[in-house]
Amino acid sequence: MKNIRALVMLLVAAVAGLAAVAMASRWLMDRSSGMTAKVAVAAIDINLGQRLNPEFIKMVDWPSGSVPPGAFTDGQTLDGRVMKNSVLRGEPILEGKLSPVGTMGGLSAVIGEGRRAITVRVNDVIGVAGFALPGNYVDIIVSTQQDKGGDKSANKDESISKIVLEKILVLAVAQEVGRDETKPKVVNAVTLEVTPEQAEKLDLARSVGTLSLVLRNQVDTATLPTSGATKFTLLGTQAPVAASAPVRPVRAHYAAHPASPRDCIGVLSGVLGSVECF
């Protein structure tokens, strides 16, 4: 009898324990479902300029209290949108990383408002050994001949290197716009984002001299005006002074002045007459 009573008590305790576990599990699920929200994230690495489709997006649970501003809770609204920044797999897709609605894909989608894209030819030296990658900033140096003026018979030109543009964004290298900051890529062309005025300067610079790219820190926004480097400033010497033209002697010219008027009288001597002036 005692054994039966003990078995009944154990059975009741087991049932009560299972019921408590089920109730606690349901309570936790209900509570957790109210504390999370569905957020669209990248299913794969997506490069800038790519057009989104359902294969690029997946919905994941995200803590509702820390949903990033601009995140999407409906993946269907992202279909056909174009990325203007790269995103990694698992990273939330935000409105700020997308081009305006209706933008076509490609490089033109990532060009900022009021900006232009211009391509310059480079080599392994000019292209900073391949480290000028999309997303980096560069300064542009032109090496040309400077007109010194002065006498035509003298040597008028001298070599000069001068920074003509600063903090220029690299949009693409060759035909690649992917921002892989781990590997240098030696290419023969670099596409830069510039303003219309900077595009004019850059086009003139490459027509009058040789261009070089100078890689700069991405967070460095300081502008340091320079006067350029010439052969004389490089070697610490003074530029020769052009010989002055010989001075011609000035000849004095004297103009003949008319004689000043005098008083004259007539003199009669017999039948002869004459005039005497004094």
Foldseek 3Di string as FASTA:
>chain_A
DVVVVVVVVVVVVVVVVVVVVVVVVVVVVVVVVVQWAWWKFFQAKDAALDFDAPVGIDIDIDGPVDDDPQTDRDPVVRHGWGFLHIDGHPGTDGPVRTADPPDHGDLVRNADPQKDKDKDWDFCQQCVNQQLAAFFWKWKKWWAWDAQDDDPVDDGTFIWIATDGGGWGWQHADRDRGGDNPDGDTGTMTMIMGHPVVVVVVVVRVVGGDMGIGTDDPPDPDDDHDPTDTPCNVVVHDDDDDDDDDDDDDDDDDDDDDDDDWDKDWDDDPPDIDIDTD
